């Protein structure tokens, strides 16, 4: 049975911990660093990726933030990671603690089932 493509096909939960270098910057310096050193590399090297950001430092000492990256396909995700590794984001501003990568409702798509998920009403 062929699997249907569910957009976005690749979702990565990037668990990170801020570094002392990042925390030593002011908020304005952080915004400047991200917009001049990280975003241009992502935009130059990738297509079809989106991100969302979650603060978690008030709930976890191991992970301070979670970046959720959505990519149109595995190649776009690979290019994103390659781009990030060549910027100060990777191991200078943030320690990448873990990467959890998956496809939304992959099991349901594989077996032609409806997703086993709840929907807010």
PDB file of N, CA and C in Angstrom:
ATOM      1  N   UNK A   1       0.849  -1.171   0.000  1.00  0.00           N
ATOM      2  CA  UNK A   1       0.000   0.000   0.000  1.00  0.00           C
ATOM      3  C   UNK A   1       0.895   1.235   0.000  1.00  0.00           C
ATOM      4  N   UNK A   2       0.781   2.132  -0.976  1.00  0.00           N
ATOM      5  CA  UNK A   2       1.648   3.314  -1.034  1.00  0.00           C
ATOM      6  C   UNK A   2       1.296   4.293   0.091  1.00  0.00           C
ATOM      7  N   UNK A   3       2.332   4.903   0.637  1.00  0.00           N
ATOM      8  CA  UNK A   3       2.143   5.879   1.717  1.00  0.00           C
ATOM      9  C   UNK A   3       1.863   7.253   1.119  1.00  0.00           C
ATOM     10  N   UNK A   4       0.885   7.948   1.666  1.00  0.00           N
ATOM     11  CA  UNK A   4       0.606   9.318   1.251  1.00  0.00           C
ATOM     12  C   UNK A   4       1.613  10.253   1.904  1.00  0.00           C
ATOM     13  N   UNK A   5       1.923  11.323   1.216  1.00  0.00           N
ATOM     14  CA  UNK A   5       2.854  12.314   1.744  1.00  0.00           C
ATOM     15  C   UNK A   5       2.088  13.285   2.635  1.00  0.00           C
ATOM     16  N   UNK A   6       2.560  13.442   3.850  1.00  0.00           N
ATOM     17  CA  UNK A   6       1.952  14.371   4.800  1.00  0.00           C
ATOM     18  C   UNK A   6       2.880  15.552   4.960  1.00  0.00           C
ATOM     19  N   UNK A   7       2.405  16.751   4.724  1.00  0.00           N
ATOM     20  CA  UNK A   7       3.251  17.937   4.871  1.00  0.00           C
ATOM     21  C   UNK A   7       3.205  18.424   6.299  1.00  0.00           C
ATOM     22  N   UNK A   8       4.279  18.829   6.885  1.00  0.00           N
ATOM     23  CA  UNK A   8       5.652  18.664   6.395  1.00  0.00           C
ATOM     24  C   UNK A   8       6.148  17.248   6.686  1.00  0.00           C
ATOM     25  N   UNK A   9       6.855  16.643   5.724  1.00  0.00           N
ATOM     26  CA  UNK A   9       7.267  15.263   5.911  1.00  0.00           C
ATOM     27  C   UNK A   9       8.351  15.051   6.956  1.00  0.00           C
ATOM     28  N   UNK A  10       9.149  16.067   7.266  1.00  0.00           N
ATOM     29  CA  UNK A  10      10.217  15.890   8.246  1.00  0.00           C
ATOM     30  C   UNK A  10      10.068  16.966   9.321  1.00  0.00           C
ATOM     31  N   UNK A  11       9.983  16.512  10.562  1.00  0.00           N
ATOM     32  CA  UNK A  11       9.950  17.431  11.692  1.00  0.00           C
ATOM     33  C   UNK A  11      11.086  17.051  12.624  1.00  0.00           C
ATOM     34  N   UNK A  12      11.871  18.032  13.033  1.00  0.00           N
ATOM     35  CA  UNK A  12      12.989  17.789  13.944  1.00  0.00           C
ATOM     36  C   UNK A  12      12.808  18.627  15.193  1.00  0.00           C
ATOM     37  N   UNK A  13      12.885  17.967  16.314  1.00  0.00           N
ATOM     38  CA  UNK A  13      12.874  18.646  17.604  1.00  0.00           C
ATOM     39  C   UNK A  13      14.329  18.740  18.050  1.00  0.00           C
ATOM     40  N   UNK A  14      14.870  19.941  17.991  1.00  0.00           N
ATOM     41  CA  UNK A  14      16.262  20.177  18.332  1.00  0.00           C
ATOM     42  C   UNK A  14      16.320  20.703  19.768  1.00  0.00           C
ATOM     43  N   UNK A  15      16.792  19.867  20.674  1.00  0.00           N
ATOM     44  CA  UNK A  15      16.891  20.244  22.077  1.00  0.00           C
ATOM     45  C   UNK A  15      18.249  20.881  22.300  1.00  0.00           C
ATOM     46  N   UNK A  16      18.252  22.120  22.754  1.00  0.00           N
ATOM     47  CA  UNK A  16      19.506  22.860  22.915  1.00  0.00           C
ATOM     48  C   UNK A  16      19.622  23.443  24.315  1.00  0.00           C
ATOM     49  N   UNK A  17      20.849  23.758  24.658  1.00  0.00           N
ATOM     50  CA  UNK A  17      21.150  24.439  25.912  1.00  0.00           C
ATOM     51  C   UNK A  17      21.995  25.659  25.569  1.00  0.00           C
ATOM     52  N   UNK A  18      21.583  26.817  26.080  1.00  0.00           N
ATOM     53  CA  UNK A  18      22.331  28.039  25.798  1.00  0.00           C
ATOM     54  C   UNK A  18      23.727  27.962  26.416  1.00  0.00           C
ATOM     55  N   UNK A  19      24.677  28.621  25.776  1.00  0.00           N
ATOM     56  CA  UNK A  19      26.054  28.646  26.270  1.00  0.00           C
ATOM     57  C   UNK A  19      26.314  29.942  27.031  1.00  0.00           C
ATOM     58  N   UNK A  20      27.363  29.987  27.837  1.00  0.00           N
ATOM     59  CA  UNK A  20      27.709  31.233  28.517  1.00  0.00           C
ATOM     60  C   UNK A  20      27.944  32.397  27.549  1.00  0.00           C
ATOM     61  N   UNK A  21      28.502  32.108  26.361  1.00  0.00           N
ATOM     62  CA  UNK A  21      28.716  33.178  25.378  1.00  0.00           C
ATOM     63  C   UNK A  21      27.385  33.814  24.962  1.00  0.00           C
ATOM     64  N   UNK A  22      26.382  33.003  24.694  1.00  0.00           N
ATOM     65  CA  UNK A  22      25.060  33.511  24.304  1.00  0.00           C
ATOM     66  C   UNK A  22      24.435  34.315  25.447  1.00  0.00           C
ATOM     67  N   UNK A  23      24.520  33.786  26.640  1.00  0.00           N
ATOM     68  CA  UNK A  23      23.895  34.443  27.793  1.00  0.00           C
ATOM     69  C   UNK A  23      24.606  35.739  28.178  1.00  0.00           C
ATOM     70  N   UNK A  24      25.882  35.870  27.827  1.00  0.00           N
ATOM     71  CA  UNK A  24      26.628  37.088  28.137  1.00  0.00           C
ATOM     72  C   UNK A  24      26.224  38.252  27.239  1.00  0.00           C
ATOM     73  N   UNK A  25      25.561  37.958  26.120  1.00  0.00           N
ATOM     74  CA  UNK A  25      25.120  39.016  25.206  1.00  0.00           C
ATOM     75  C   UNK A  25      23.822  39.644  25.706  1.00  0.00           C
ATOM     76  N   UNK A  26      23.634  40.901  25.344  1.00  0.00           N
ATOM     77  CA  UNK A  26      22.350  41.544  25.603  1.00  0.00           C
ATOM     78  C   UNK A  26      21.327  40.980  24.624  1.00  0.00           C
ATOM     79  N   UNK A  27      20.064  41.252  24.858  1.00  0.00           N
ATOM     80  CA  UNK A  27      19.028  40.787  23.940  1.00  0.00           C
ATOM     81  C   UNK A  27      19.267  41.356  22.542  1.00  0.00           C
ATOM     82  N   UNK A  28      19.614  42.628  22.468  1.00  0.00           N
ATOM     83  CA  UNK A  28      19.883  43.247  21.162  1.00  0.00           C
ATOM     84  C   UNK A  28      21.065  42.582  20.468  1.00  0.00           C
ATOM     85  N   UNK A  29      22.101  42.243  21.214  1.00  0.00           N
ATOM     86  CA  UNK A  29      23.263  41.560  20.633  1.00  0.00           C
ATOM     87  C   UNK A  29      22.899  40.157  20.150  1.00  0.00           C
ATOM     88  N   UNK A  30      22.013  39.477  20.880  1.00  0.00           N
ATOM     89  CA  UNK A  30      21.573  38.141  20.456  1.00  0.00           C
ATOM     90  C   UNK A  30      20.800  38.213  19.139  1.00  0.00           C
ATOM     91  N   UNK A  31      19.895  39.167  19.054  1.00  0.00           N
ATOM     92  CA  UNK A  31      19.122  39.344  17.826  1.00  0.00           C
ATOM     93  C   UNK A  31      20.068  39.660  16.670  1.00  0.00           C
ATOM     94  N   UNK A  32      21.006  40.554  16.898  1.00  0.00           N
ATOM     95  CA  UNK A  32      21.984  40.926  15.871  1.00  0.00           C
ATOM     96  C   UNK A  32      22.822  39.722  15.448  1.00  0.00           C
ATOM     97  N   UNK A  33      23.300  38.943  16.410  1.00  0.00           N
ATOM     98  CA  UNK A  33      24.116  37.770  16.105  1.00  0.00           C
ATOM     99  C   UNK A  33      23.320  36.754  15.291  1.00  0.00           C
ATOM    100  N   UNK A  34      22.088  36.525  15.670  1.00  0.00           N
ATOM    101  CA  UNK A  34      21.275  35.543  14.968  1.00  0.00           C
ATOM    102  C   UNK A  34      20.941  35.996  13.554  1.00  0.00           C
ATOM    103  N   UNK A  35      20.585  37.272  13.418  1.00  0.00           N
ATOM    104  CA  UNK A  35      20.183  37.766  12.094  1.00  0.00           C
ATOM    105  C   UNK A  35      21.365  37.987  11.159  1.00  0.00           C
ATOM    106  N   UNK A  36      22.565  38.149  11.684  1.00  0.00           N
ATOM    107  CA  UNK A  36      23.720  38.354  10.805  1.00  0.00           C
ATOM    108  C   UNK A  36      24.568  37.100  10.594  1.00  0.00           C
ATOM    109  N   UNK A  37      24.565  36.173  11.546  1.00  0.00           N
ATOM    110  CA  UNK A  37      25.432  34.998  11.420  1.00  0.00           C
ATOM    111  C   UNK A  37      24.692  33.696  11.136  1.00  0.00           C
ATOM    112  N   UNK A  38      23.453  33.585  11.600  1.00  0.00           N
ATOM    113  CA  UNK A  38      22.748  32.306  11.475  1.00  0.00           C
ATOM    114  C   UNK A  38      21.724  32.335  10.336  1.00  0.00           C
ATOM    115  N   UNK A  39      20.811  33.275  10.354  1.00  0.00           N
ATOM    116  CA  UNK A  39      19.765  33.326   9.331  1.00  0.00           C
ATOM    117  C   UNK A  39      20.298  33.403   7.902  1.00  0.00           C
ATOM    118  N   UNK A  40      21.314  34.236   7.625  1.00  0.00           N
ATOM    119  CA  UNK A  40      21.815  34.265   6.241  1.00  0.00           C
ATOM    120  C   UNK A  40      22.341  32.912   5.758  1.00  0.00           C
ATOM    121  N   UNK A  41      22.968  32.151   6.638  1.00  0.00           N
ATOM    122  CA  UNK A  41      23.473  30.831   6.244  1.00  0.00           C
ATOM    123  C   UNK A  41      22.323  29.884   5.938  1.00  0.00           C
ATOM    124  N   UNK A  42      21.273  29.933   6.747  1.00  0.00           N
ATOM    125  CA  UNK A  42      20.104  29.088   6.508  1.00  0.00           C
ATOM    126  C   UNK A  42      19.461  29.475   5.177  1.00  0.00           C
ATOM    127  N   UNK A  43      19.254  30.758   4.979  1.00  0.00           N
ATOM    128  CA  UNK A  43      18.594  31.230   3.760  1.00  0.00           C
ATOM    129  C   UNK A  43      19.417  30.950   2.508  1.00  0.00           C
ATOM    130  N   UNK A  44      20.744  30.992   2.619  1.00  0.00           N
ATOM    131  CA  UNK A  44      21.606  30.761   1.459  1.00  0.00           C
ATOM    132  C   UNK A  44      21.709  29.283   1.092  1.00  0.00           C
ATOM    133  N   UNK A  45      21.582  28.406   2.082  1.00  0.00           N
ATOM    134  CA  UNK A  45      21.856  26.989   1.830  1.00  0.00           C
ATOM    135  C   UNK A  45      20.630  26.089   1.775  1.00  0.00           C
ATOM    136  N   UNK A  46      19.463  26.604   2.197  1.00  0.00           N
ATOM    137  CA  UNK A  46      18.301  25.725   2.288  1.00  0.00           C
ATOM    138  C   UNK A  46      17.089  26.318   1.592  1.00  0.00           C
ATOM    139  N   UNK A  47      16.139  25.475   1.326  1.00  0.00           N
ATOM    140  CA  UNK A  47      14.819  25.866   0.832  1.00  0.00           C
ATOM    141  C   UNK A  47      13.817  24.934   1.491  1.00  0.00           C
ATOM    142  N   UNK A  48      12.633  25.423   1.740  1.00  0.00           N
ATOM    143  CA  UNK A  48      11.583  24.563   2.266  1.00  0.00           C
ATOM    144  C   UNK A  48      11.736  24.174   3.716  1.00  0.00           C
ATOM    145  N   UNK A  49      12.315  25.058   4.538  1.00  0.00           N
ATOM    146  CA  UNK A  49      12.393  24.798   5.976  1.00  0.00           C
ATOM    147  C   UNK A  49      11.737  25.947   6.747  1.00  0.00           C
ATOM    148  N   UNK A  50      11.121  25.589   7.849  1.00  0.00           N
ATOM    149  CA  UNK A  50      10.476  26.553   8.741  1.00  0.00           C
ATOM    150  C   UNK A  50      10.855  26.187  10.165  1.00  0.00           C
ATOM    151  N   UNK A  51      10.744  27.158  11.083  1.00  0.00           N
ATOM    152  CA  UNK A  51      11.065  26.837  12.474  1.00  0.00           C
ATOM    153  C   UNK A  51      10.130  27.540  13.437  1.00  0.00           C
ATOM    154  N   UNK A  52      10.040  26.935  14.607  1.00  0.00           N
ATOM    155  CA  UNK A  52       9.356  27.529  15.752  1.00  0.00           C
ATOM    156  C   UNK A  52      10.283  27.345  16.945  1.00  0.00           C
ATOM    157  N   UNK A  53      10.111  28.186  17.943  1.00  0.00           N
ATOM    158  CA  UNK A  53      11.034  28.220  19.067  1.00  0.00           C
ATOM    159  C   UNK A  53      10.249  28.155  20.371  1.00  0.00           C
ATOM    160  N   UNK A  54      10.708  27.327  21.294  1.00  0.00           N
ATOM    161  CA  UNK A  54      10.059  27.174  22.596  1.00  0.00           C
ATOM    162  C   UNK A  54      11.084  27.355  23.713  1.00  0.00           C
ATOM    163  N   UNK A  55      10.768  28.221  24.669  1.00  0.00           N
ATOM    164  CA  UNK A  55      11.594  28.375  25.872  1.00  0.00           C
ATOM    165  C   UNK A  55      11.240  27.270  26.850  1.00  0.00           C
ATOM    166  N   UNK A  56      12.259  26.618  27.405  1.00  0.00           N
ATOM    167  CA  UNK A  56      11.998  25.566  28.384  1.00  0.00           C
ATOM    168  C   UNK A  56      12.847  25.693  29.646  1.00  0.00           C
ATOM    169  N   UNK A  57      13.676  26.738  29.734  1.00  0.00           N
ATOM    170  CA  UNK A  57      14.613  26.806  30.853  1.00  0.00           C
ATOM    171  C   UNK A  57      13.948  26.912  32.207  1.00  0.00           C
ATOM    172  N   UNK A  58      12.705  27.327  32.252  1.00  0.00           N
ATOM    173  CA  UNK A  58      12.026  27.402  33.545  1.00  0.00           C
ATOM    174  C   UNK A  58      11.439  26.051  33.958  1.00  0.00           C
ATOM    175  N   UNK A  59      11.576  25.027  33.118  1.00  0.00           N
ATOM    176  CA  UNK A  59      11.104  23.681  33.442  1.00  0.00           C
ATOM    177  C   UNK A  59      12.210  22.636  33.417  1.00  0.00           C
ATOM    178  N   UNK A  60      13.327  22.947  32.800  1.00  0.00           N
ATOM    179  CA  UNK A  60      14.375  21.951  32.636  1.00  0.00           C
ATOM    180  C   UNK A  60      15.749  22.590  32.806  1.00  0.00           C
ATOM    181  N   UNK A  61      16.627  21.917  33.519  1.00  0.00           N
ATOM    182  CA  UNK A  61      18.003  22.396  33.645  1.00  0.00           C
ATOM    183  C   UNK A  61      18.885  21.815  32.543  1.00  0.00           C
ATOM    184  N   UNK A  62      18.466  20.718  31.956  1.00  0.00           N
ATOM    185  CA  UNK A  62      19.265  20.048  30.924  1.00  0.00           C
ATOM    186  C   UNK A  62      19.115  20.704  29.558  1.00  0.00           C
ATOM    187  N   UNK A  63      17.901  21.173  29.245  1.00  0.00           N
ATOM    188  CA  UNK A  63      17.600  21.777  27.953  1.00  0.00           C
ATOM    189  C   UNK A  63      16.959  23.128  28.217  1.00  0.00           C
ATOM    190  N   UNK A  64      17.480  24.190  27.600  1.00  0.00           N
ATOM    191  CA  UNK A  64      16.912  25.522  27.824  1.00  0.00           C
ATOM    192  C   UNK A  64      15.907  25.921  26.757  1.00  0.00           C
ATOM    193  N   UNK A  65      16.015  25.317  25.570  1.00  0.00           N
ATOM    194  CA  UNK A  65      15.146  25.705  24.465  1.00  0.00           C
ATOM    195  C   UNK A  65      14.921  24.513  23.545  1.00  0.00           C
ATOM    196  N   UNK A  66      13.810  24.571  22.816  1.00  0.00           N
ATOM    197  CA  UNK A  66      13.541  23.575  21.783  1.00  0.00           C
ATOM    198  C   UNK A  66      13.218  24.314  20.495  1.00  0.00           C
ATOM    199  N   UNK A  67      13.987  24.006  19.459  1.00  0.00           N
ATOM    200  CA  UNK A  67      13.713  24.517  18.120  1.00  0.00           C
ATOM    201  C   UNK A  67      12.982  23.408  17.386  1.00  0.00           C
ATOM    202  N   UNK A  68      11.846  23.718  16.817  1.00  0.00           N
ATOM    203  CA  UNK A  68      11.116  22.752  16.003  1.00  0.00           C
ATOM    204  C   UNK A  68      11.312  23.166  14.553  1.00  0.00           C
ATOM    205  N   UNK A  69      11.978  22.307  13.810  1.00  0.00           N
ATOM    206  CA  UNK A  69      12.263  22.573  12.407  1.00  0.00           C
ATOM    207  C   UNK A  69      11.376  21.677  11.562  1.00  0.00           C
ATOM    208  N   UNK A  70      10.727  22.251  10.576  1.00  0.00           N
ATOM    209  CA  UNK A  70       9.948  21.486   9.613  1.00  0.00           C
ATOM    210  C   UNK A  70      10.611  21.661   8.254  1.00  0.00           C
ATOM    211  N   UNK A  71      10.809  20.540   7.579  1.00  0.00           N
ATOM    212  CA  UNK A  71      11.462  20.567   6.270  1.00  0.00           C
ATOM    213  C   UNK A  71      10.602  19.824   5.261  1.00  0.00           C
ATOM    214  N   UNK A  72      10.612  20.302   4.028  1.00  0.00           N
ATOM    215  CA  UNK A  72       9.811  19.678   2.977  1.00  0.00           C
ATOM    216  C   UNK A  72      10.242  18.247   2.675  1.00  0.00           C
ATOM    217  N   UNK A  73      11.522  17.950   2.913  1.00  0.00           N
ATOM    218  CA  UNK A  73      12.007  16.592   2.673  1.00  0.00           C
ATOM    219  C   UNK A  73      13.317  16.401   3.429  1.00  0.00           C
ATOM    220  N   UNK A  74      13.829  15.181   3.375  1.00  0.00           N
ATOM    221  CA  UNK A  74      15.042  14.862   4.124  1.00  0.00           C
ATOM    222  C   UNK A  74      16.267  15.607   3.608  1.00  0.00           C
ATOM    223  N   UNK A  75      16.307  15.885   2.315  1.00  0.00           N
ATOM    224  CA  UNK A  75      17.426  16.640   1.766  1.00  0.00           C
ATOM    225  C   UNK A  75      17.428  18.068   2.297  1.00  0.00           C
ATOM    226  N   UNK A  76      16.263  18.698   2.367  1.00  0.00           N
ATOM    227  CA  UNK A  76      16.169  20.055   2.924  1.00  0.00           C
ATOM    228  C   UNK A  76      16.609  20.056   4.380  1.00  0.00           C
ATOM    229  N   UNK A  77      16.228  19.030   5.132  1.00  0.00           N
ATOM    230  CA  UNK A  77      16.641  18.933   6.545  1.00  0.00           C
ATOM    231  C   UNK A  77      18.163  18.772   6.652  1.00  0.00           C
ATOM    232  N   UNK A  78      18.723  17.906   5.817  1.00  0.00           N
ATOM    233  CA  UNK A  78      20.182  17.698   5.842  1.00  0.00           C
ATOM    234  C   UNK A  78      20.919  18.995   5.533  1.00  0.00           C
ATOM    235  N   UNK A  79      20.437  19.739   4.536  1.00  0.00           N
ATOM    236  CA  UNK A  79      21.069  21.016   4.192  1.00  0.00           C
ATOM    237  C   UNK A  79      20.943  22.020   5.334  1.00  0.00           C
ATOM    238  N   UNK A  80      19.825  22.001   6.040  1.00  0.00           N
ATOM    239  CA  UNK A  80      19.653  22.866   7.205  1.00  0.00           C
ATOM    240  C   UNK A  80      20.701  22.565   8.268  1.00  0.00           C
ATOM    241  N   UNK A  81      20.869  21.304   8.600  1.00  0.00           N
ATOM    242  CA  UNK A  81      21.843  20.925   9.627  1.00  0.00           C
ATOM    243  C   UNK A  81      23.251  21.278   9.172  1.00  0.00           C
ATOM    244  N   UNK A  82      23.578  21.013   7.921  1.00  0.00           N
ATOM    245  CA  UNK A  82      24.895  21.406   7.398  1.00  0.00           C
ATOM    246  C   UNK A  82      25.103  22.906   7.534  1.00  0.00           C
ATOM    247  N   UNK A  83      24.086  23.693   7.217  1.00  0.00           N
ATOM    248  CA  UNK A  83      24.198  25.153   7.316  1.00  0.00           C
ATOM    249  C   UNK A  83      24.376  25.587   8.763  1.00  0.00           C
ATOM    250  N   UNK A  84      23.589  25.038   9.667  1.00  0.00           N
ATOM    251  CA  UNK A  84      23.696  25.422  11.082  1.00  0.00           C
ATOM    252  C   UNK A  84      25.062  25.080  11.666  1.00  0.00           C
ATOM    253  N   UNK A  85      25.623  23.942  11.264  1.00  0.00           N
ATOM    254  CA  UNK A  85      26.915  23.517  11.806  1.00  0.00           C
ATOM    255  C   UNK A  85      28.049  24.439  11.389  1.00  0.00           C
ATOM    256  N   UNK A  86      27.839  25.215  10.336  1.00  0.00           N
ATOM    257  CA  UNK A  86      28.860  26.137   9.868  1.00  0.00           C
ATOM    258  C   UNK A  86      28.661  27.553  10.406  1.00  0.00           C
ATOM    259  N   UNK A  87      27.797  27.695  11.402  1.00  0.00           N
ATOM    260  CA  UNK A  87      27.549  28.995  12.025  1.00  0.00           C
ATOM    261  C   UNK A  87      27.856  28.901  13.513  1.00  0.00           C
ATOM    262  N   UNK A  88      27.919  30.048  14.181  1.00  0.00           N
ATOM    263  CA  UNK A  88      28.125  30.031  15.632  1.00  0.00           C
ATOM    264  C   UNK A  88      26.952  29.428  16.406  1.00  0.00           C
ATOM    265  N   UNK A  89      25.809  29.216  15.750  1.00  0.00           N
ATOM    266  CA  UNK A  89      24.665  28.588  16.416  1.00  0.00           C
ATOM    267  C   UNK A  89      25.086  27.277  17.061  1.00  0.00           C
ATOM    268  N   UNK A  90      25.839  26.476  16.274  1.00  0.00           N
ATOM    269  CA  UNK A  90      26.176  25.107  16.657  1.00  0.00           C
ATOM    270  C   UNK A  90      27.408  25.101  17.556  1.00  0.00           C
ATOM    271  N   UNK A  91      27.225  24.777  18.818  1.00  0.00           N
ATOM    272  CA  UNK A  91      28.279  24.610  19.822  1.00  0.00           C
ATOM    273  C   UNK A  91      28.972  25.886  20.267  1.00  0.00           C
ATOM    274  N   UNK A  92      28.547  27.031  19.773  1.00  0.00           N
ATOM    275  CA  UNK A  92      29.094  28.284  20.286  1.00  0.00           C
ATOM    276  C   UNK A  92      27.994  29.055  21.013  1.00  0.00           C
ATOM    277  N   UNK A  93      26.867  29.277  20.358  1.00  0.00           N
ATOM    278  CA  UNK A  93      25.729  29.930  21.018  1.00  0.00           C
ATOM    279  C   UNK A  93      24.859  28.914  21.747  1.00  0.00           C
ATOM    280  N   UNK A  94      24.753  27.707  21.172  1.00  0.00           N
ATOM    281  CA  UNK A  94      23.931  26.647  21.754  1.00  0.00           C
ATOM    282  C   UNK A  94      24.679  25.326  21.706  1.00  0.00           C
ATOM    283  N   UNK A  95      24.503  24.534  22.739  1.00  0.00           N
ATOM    284  CA  UNK A  95      24.943  23.148  22.712  1.00  0.00           C
ATOM    285  C   UNK A  95      23.745  22.331  22.241  1.00  0.00           C
ATOM    286  N   UNK A  96      23.911  21.586  21.166  1.00  0.00           N
ATOM    287  CA  UNK A  96      22.834  20.733  20.679  1.00  0.00           C
ATOM    288  C   UNK A  96      22.851  19.469  21.538  1.00  0.00           C
ATOM    289  N   UNK A  97      21.845  19.344  22.395  1.00  0.00           N
ATOM    290  CA  UNK A  97      21.776  18.240  23.348  1.00  0.00           C
ATOM    291  C   UNK A  97      21.236  16.979  22.685  1.00  0.00           C
ATOM    292  N   UNK A  98      20.222  17.137  21.840  1.00  0.00           N
ATOM    293  CA  UNK A  98      19.632  15.981  21.187  1.00  0.00           C
ATOM    294  C   UNK A  98      18.832  16.434  19.972  1.00  0.00           C
ATOM    295  N   UNK A  99      18.691  15.550  19.012  1.00  0.00           N
ATOM    296  CA  UNK A  99      17.851  15.756  17.833  1.00  0.00           C
ATOM    297  C   UNK A  99      16.861  14.600  17.756  1.00  0.00           C
ATOM    298  N   UNK A 100      15.591  14.927  17.743  1.00  0.00           N
ATOM    299  CA  UNK A 100      14.545  13.923  17.598  1.00  0.00           C
ATOM    300  C   UNK A 100      13.839  14.220  16.282  1.00  0.00           C
ATOM    301  N   UNK A 101      14.014  13.351  15.313  1.00  0.00           N
ATOM    302  CA  UNK A 101      13.513  13.606  13.962  1.00  0.00           C
ATOM    303  C   UNK A 101      12.462  12.559  13.609  1.00  0.00           C
ATOM    304  N   UNK A 102      11.362  13.019  13.044  1.00  0.00           N
ATOM    305  CA  UNK A 102      10.317  12.092  12.656  1.00  0.00           C
ATOM    306  C   UNK A 102       9.420  12.682  11.589  1.00  0.00           C
ATOM    307  N   UNK A 103       8.434  11.881  11.192  1.00  0.00           N
ATOM    308  CA  UNK A 103       7.427  12.349  10.259  1.00  0.00           C
ATOM    309  C   UNK A 103       6.076  12.254  10.960  1.00  0.00           C
ATOM    310  N   UNK A 104       5.279  13.284  10.816  1.00  0.00           N
ATOM    311  CA  UNK A 104       3.991  13.338  11.492  1.00  0.00           C
ATOM    312  C   UNK A 104       3.067  12.243  10.951  1.00  0.00           C
ATOM    313  N   UNK A 105       2.510  11.468  11.874  1.00  0.00           N
ATOM    314  CA  UNK A 105       1.569  10.400  11.542  1.00  0.00           C
ATOM    315  C   UNK A 105       2.125   9.381  10.543  1.00  0.00           C
ATOM    316  N   UNK A 106       3.425   9.136  10.601  1.00  0.00           N
ATOM    317  CA  UNK A 106       4.046   8.181   9.681  1.00  0.00           C
ATOM    318  C   UNK A 106       3.428   6.797   9.774  1.00  0.00           C
ATOM    319  N   UNK A 107       3.147   6.338  10.978  1.00  0.00           N
ATOM    320  CA  UNK A 107       2.560   5.017  11.174  1.00  0.00           C
ATOM    321  C   UNK A 107       1.187   4.938  10.496  1.00  0.00           C
ATOM    322  N   UNK A 108       0.364   5.970  10.718  1.00  0.00           N
ATOM    323  CA  UNK A 108      -0.975   5.985  10.117  1.00  0.00           C
ATOM    324  C   UNK A 108      -0.877   6.007   8.592  1.00  0.00           C
ATOM    325  N   UNK A 109       0.041   6.805   8.048  1.00  0.00           N
ATOM    326  CA  UNK A 109       0.204   6.873   6.592  1.00  0.00           C
ATOM    327  C   UNK A 109       0.645   5.531   6.020  1.00  0.00           C
ATOM    328  N   UNK A 110       1.567   4.872   6.711  1.00  0.00           N
ATOM    329  CA  UNK A 110       2.078   3.593   6.230  1.00  0.00           C
ATOM    330  C   UNK A 110       0.971   2.552   6.112  1.00  0.00           C
ATOM    331  N   UNK A 111       0.075   2.549   7.087  1.00  0.00           N
ATOM    332  CA  UNK A 111      -0.966   1.520   7.123  1.00  0.00           C
ATOM    333  C   UNK A 111      -2.339   2.003   6.669  1.00  0.00           C
ATOM    334  N   UNK A 112      -2.394   3.218   6.082  1.00  0.00           N
ATOM    335  CA  UNK A 112      -3.654   3.726   5.567  1.00  0.00           C
ATOM    336  C   UNK A 112      -4.691   3.980   6.648  1.00  0.00           C
ATOM    337  N   UNK A 113      -4.245   4.360   7.832  1.00  0.00           N
ATOM    338  CA  UNK A 113      -5.139   4.611   8.961  1.00  0.00           C
ATOM    339  C   UNK A 113      -5.326   6.108   9.179  1.00  0.00           C
ATOM    340  N   UNK A 114      -6.376   6.450   9.894  1.00  0.00           N
ATOM    341  CA  UNK A 114      -6.543   7.835  10.332  1.00  0.00           C
ATOM    342  C   UNK A 114      -5.536   8.062  11.450  1.00  0.00           C
ATOM    343  N   UNK A 115      -5.000   9.292  11.563  1.00  0.00           N
ATOM    344  CA  UNK A 115      -4.057   9.589  12.638  1.00  0.00           C
ATOM    345  C   UNK A 115      -4.693   9.356  14.012  1.00  0.00           C
ATOM    346  N   UNK A 116      -3.905   8.801  14.904  1.00  0.00           N
ATOM    347  CA  UNK A 116      -4.353   8.616  16.281  1.00  0.00           C
ATOM    348  C   UNK A 116      -3.886   9.826  17.071  1.00  0.00           C
ATOM    349  N   UNK A 117      -4.656  10.894  16.980  1.00  0.00           N
ATOM    350  CA  UNK A 117      -4.288  12.138  17.630  1.00  0.00           C
ATOM    351  C   UNK A 117      -5.554  12.837  18.108  1.00  0.00           C
ATOM    352  N   UNK A 118      -5.382  13.760  19.019  1.00  0.00           N
ATOM    353  CA  UNK A 118      -6.518  14.532  19.493  1.00  0.00           C
ATOM    354  C   UNK A 118      -6.520  15.877  18.813  1.00  0.00           C
ATOM    355  N   UNK A 119      -7.676  16.452  18.721  1.00  0.00           N
ATOM    356  CA  UNK A 119      -7.838  17.767  18.101  1.00  0.00           C
ATOM    357  C   UNK A 119      -8.564  18.647  19.097  1.00  0.00           C
ATOM    358  N   UNK A 120      -8.034  19.837  19.338  1.00  0.00           N
ATOM    359  CA  UNK A 120      -8.673  20.788  20.253  1.00  0.00           C
ATOM    360  C   UNK A 120      -9.993  21.250  19.643  1.00  0.00           C
ATOM    361  N   UNK A 121     -11.011  21.340  20.453  1.00  0.00           N
ATOM    362  CA  UNK A 121     -12.303  21.814  19.958  1.00  0.00           C
ATOM    363  C   UNK A 121     -12.679  23.132  20.593  1.00  0.00           C
TER     364      UNK A 121
END
